[in-house]
Amino acid sequence: VQLQASGGGLVQAGGSLRLSCAASGTIDSLGGMGWHRQAPGKQRELVASISRDGTTMYANSAKERFTISRDNAKNTVYLQLDSLKPEDTAVYYCGAFVLSTYYWGQGTQVTVSS
């Protein structure tokens, strides 16, 4: 299973980005997918997750600013980042369950300037 994340970049505070993560390989049983982030010197944290049927969950820091979605036909999960703040600066990682194993993508850098 491979997860390829893209869409990160440098944006000013208040701006938006859209992250994408495409799964490939042996993914007949692709389950819940999620986005995590890790800022320098901090632990990796869950930002948002979405089940195969579309049920979503958000960290408090992401509520009302970020939107997670997925396209099961494309095996892809998205994270729309709006109203970005400098404290959102981090490497964003996607992850996905295949059966009982959670796989990680390689990460994409999001930098928000003030």
Protein backbone atom coordinates (compact mmCIF):
# COMPACT_ATOMS: atom_id res chain seq x y z
CA VAL A 1 0.00 0.00 0.00
CA GLN A 2 1.35 3.41 -0.96
CA LEU A 3 -0.03 6.79 -0.01
CA GLN A 4 1.06 9.81 -2.03
CA ALA A 5 0.32 13.18 -0.48
CA SER A 6 0.46 16.48 -2.31
CA GLY A 7 -0.78 20.04 -2.14
CA GLY A 8 1.31 21.60 0.58
CA GLY A 9 3.05 24.93 0.20
CA LEU A 10 3.62 28.41 1.54
CA VAL A 11 0.59 30.59 2.16
CA GLN A 12 -0.15 33.79 4.04
CA ALA A 13 -2.30 33.78 7.15
CA GLY A 14 -5.95 33.66 6.20
CA GLY A 15 -5.22 31.78 3.00
CA SER A 16 -6.25 28.33 1.86
CA LEU A 17 -4.68 25.11 0.63
CA ARG A 18 -6.09 21.78 -0.50
CA LEU A 19 -4.18 18.63 0.34
CA SER A 20 -4.69 15.38 -1.54
CA CYS A 21 -3.61 11.85 -0.73
CA ALA A 22 -4.01 9.01 -3.19
CA ALA A 23 -3.79 5.38 -2.12
CA SER A 24 -2.50 2.67 -4.43
CA GLY A 25 -1.43 -0.94 -4.27
CA THR A 26 -3.36 -3.74 -2.58
CA ILE A 27 -6.24 -1.65 -1.24
CA ASP A 28 -9.32 -3.78 -1.77
CA SER A 29 -10.26 -3.17 1.87
CA LEU A 30 -9.41 0.53 2.16
CA GLY A 31 -11.06 1.75 5.33
CA GLY A 32 -10.89 4.91 7.38
CA MET A 33 -8.51 7.64 6.23
CA GLY A 34 -7.08 10.58 8.07
CA TRP A 35 -4.80 13.58 8.12
CA HIS A 36 -2.26 14.18 10.85
CA ARG A 37 0.29 16.91 11.35
CA GLN A 38 3.57 17.35 13.13
CA ALA A 39 5.03 20.73 13.95
CA PRO A 40 8.72 21.14 14.85
CA GLY A 41 9.36 19.93 18.38
CA LYS A 42 5.85 18.59 18.81
CA GLN A 43 4.22 15.21 18.61
CA ARG A 44 2.23 14.13 15.61
CA GLU A 45 -1.47 14.82 16.11
CA LEU A 46 -4.64 13.77 14.36
CA VAL A 47 -6.30 16.64 12.50
CA ALA A 48 -9.29 14.95 10.89
CA SER A 49 -10.51 11.53 9.88
CA ILE A 50 -13.19 10.10 7.63
CA SER A 51 -14.68 6.64 7.51
CA ARG A 52 -15.42 4.80 4.31
CA ASP A 53 -19.08 5.82 4.56
CA GLY A 54 -18.16 9.48 5.05
CA THR A 55 -18.42 9.95 8.79
CA THR A 56 -15.99 12.67 9.80
CA MET A 57 -14.18 13.68 12.97
CA TYR A 58 -12.12 16.81 13.60
CA ALA A 59 -9.66 17.94 16.20
CA ASN A 60 -10.81 21.07 18.00
CA SER A 61 -8.12 23.10 16.22
CA ALA A 62 -9.53 22.06 12.85
CA LYS A 63 -13.24 22.49 13.42
CA GLU A 64 -14.92 25.14 11.22
CA ARG A 65 -11.67 25.78 9.28
CA PHE A 66 -10.70 22.44 7.76
CA THR A 67 -12.82 20.01 5.76
CA ILE A 68 -11.96 16.39 5.10
CA SER A 69 -13.52 14.49 2.24
CA ARG A 70 -12.82 11.41 0.16
CA ASP A 71 -13.49 9.96 -3.26
CA ASN A 72 -13.77 6.19 -2.92
CA ALA A 73 -13.68 5.70 -6.69
CA LYS A 74 -10.26 7.38 -6.77
CA ASN A 75 -9.05 6.01 -3.40
CA THR A 76 -8.21 9.58 -2.49
CA VAL A 77 -8.70 11.66 0.63
CA TYR A 78 -8.65 15.46 0.66
CA LEU A 79 -8.15 18.10 3.31
CA GLN A 80 -9.35 21.62 2.56
CA LEU A 81 -7.51 24.08 4.78
CA ASP A 82 -9.16 27.49 5.11
CA SER A 83 -8.46 30.51 7.31
CA LEU A 84 -4.96 29.23 7.90
CA LYS A 85 -2.98 30.47 10.88
CA PRO A 86 0.78 30.48 11.50
CA GLU A 87 0.24 27.81 14.16
CA ASP A 88 -1.04 25.48 11.42
CA THR A 89 2.52 25.29 10.08
CA ALA A 90 3.55 21.63 10.11
CA VAL A 91 4.23 18.60 8.00
CA TYR A 92 0.87 17.05 7.16
CA TYR A 93 0.68 13.28 6.83
CA CYS A 94 -2.14 11.21 5.47
CA GLY A 95 -2.93 7.75 6.72
CA ALA A 96 -5.28 4.96 5.87
CA PHE A 97 -6.48 1.66 7.24
CA VAL A 98 -6.26 -1.41 5.05
CA LEU A 99 -7.81 -4.22 7.05
CA SER A 100 -6.23 -3.75 10.49
CA THR A 101 -3.01 -2.02 9.42
CA TYR A 102 -2.60 1.77 9.33
CA TYR A 103 -0.38 3.02 6.53
CA TRP A 104 1.32 6.43 6.36
CA GLY A 105 2.04 8.74 3.48
CA GLN A 106 5.30 10.64 3.14
CA GLY A 107 4.07 14.02 4.38
CA THR A 108 3.65 17.40 2.76
CA GLN A 109 4.87 20.68 4.25
CA VAL A 110 2.40 23.45 5.01
CA THR A 111 3.90 26.78 5.99
CA VAL A 112 1.72 29.72 6.99
CA SER A 113 3.36 33.12 7.19
CA SER A 114 2.06 35.91 9.38
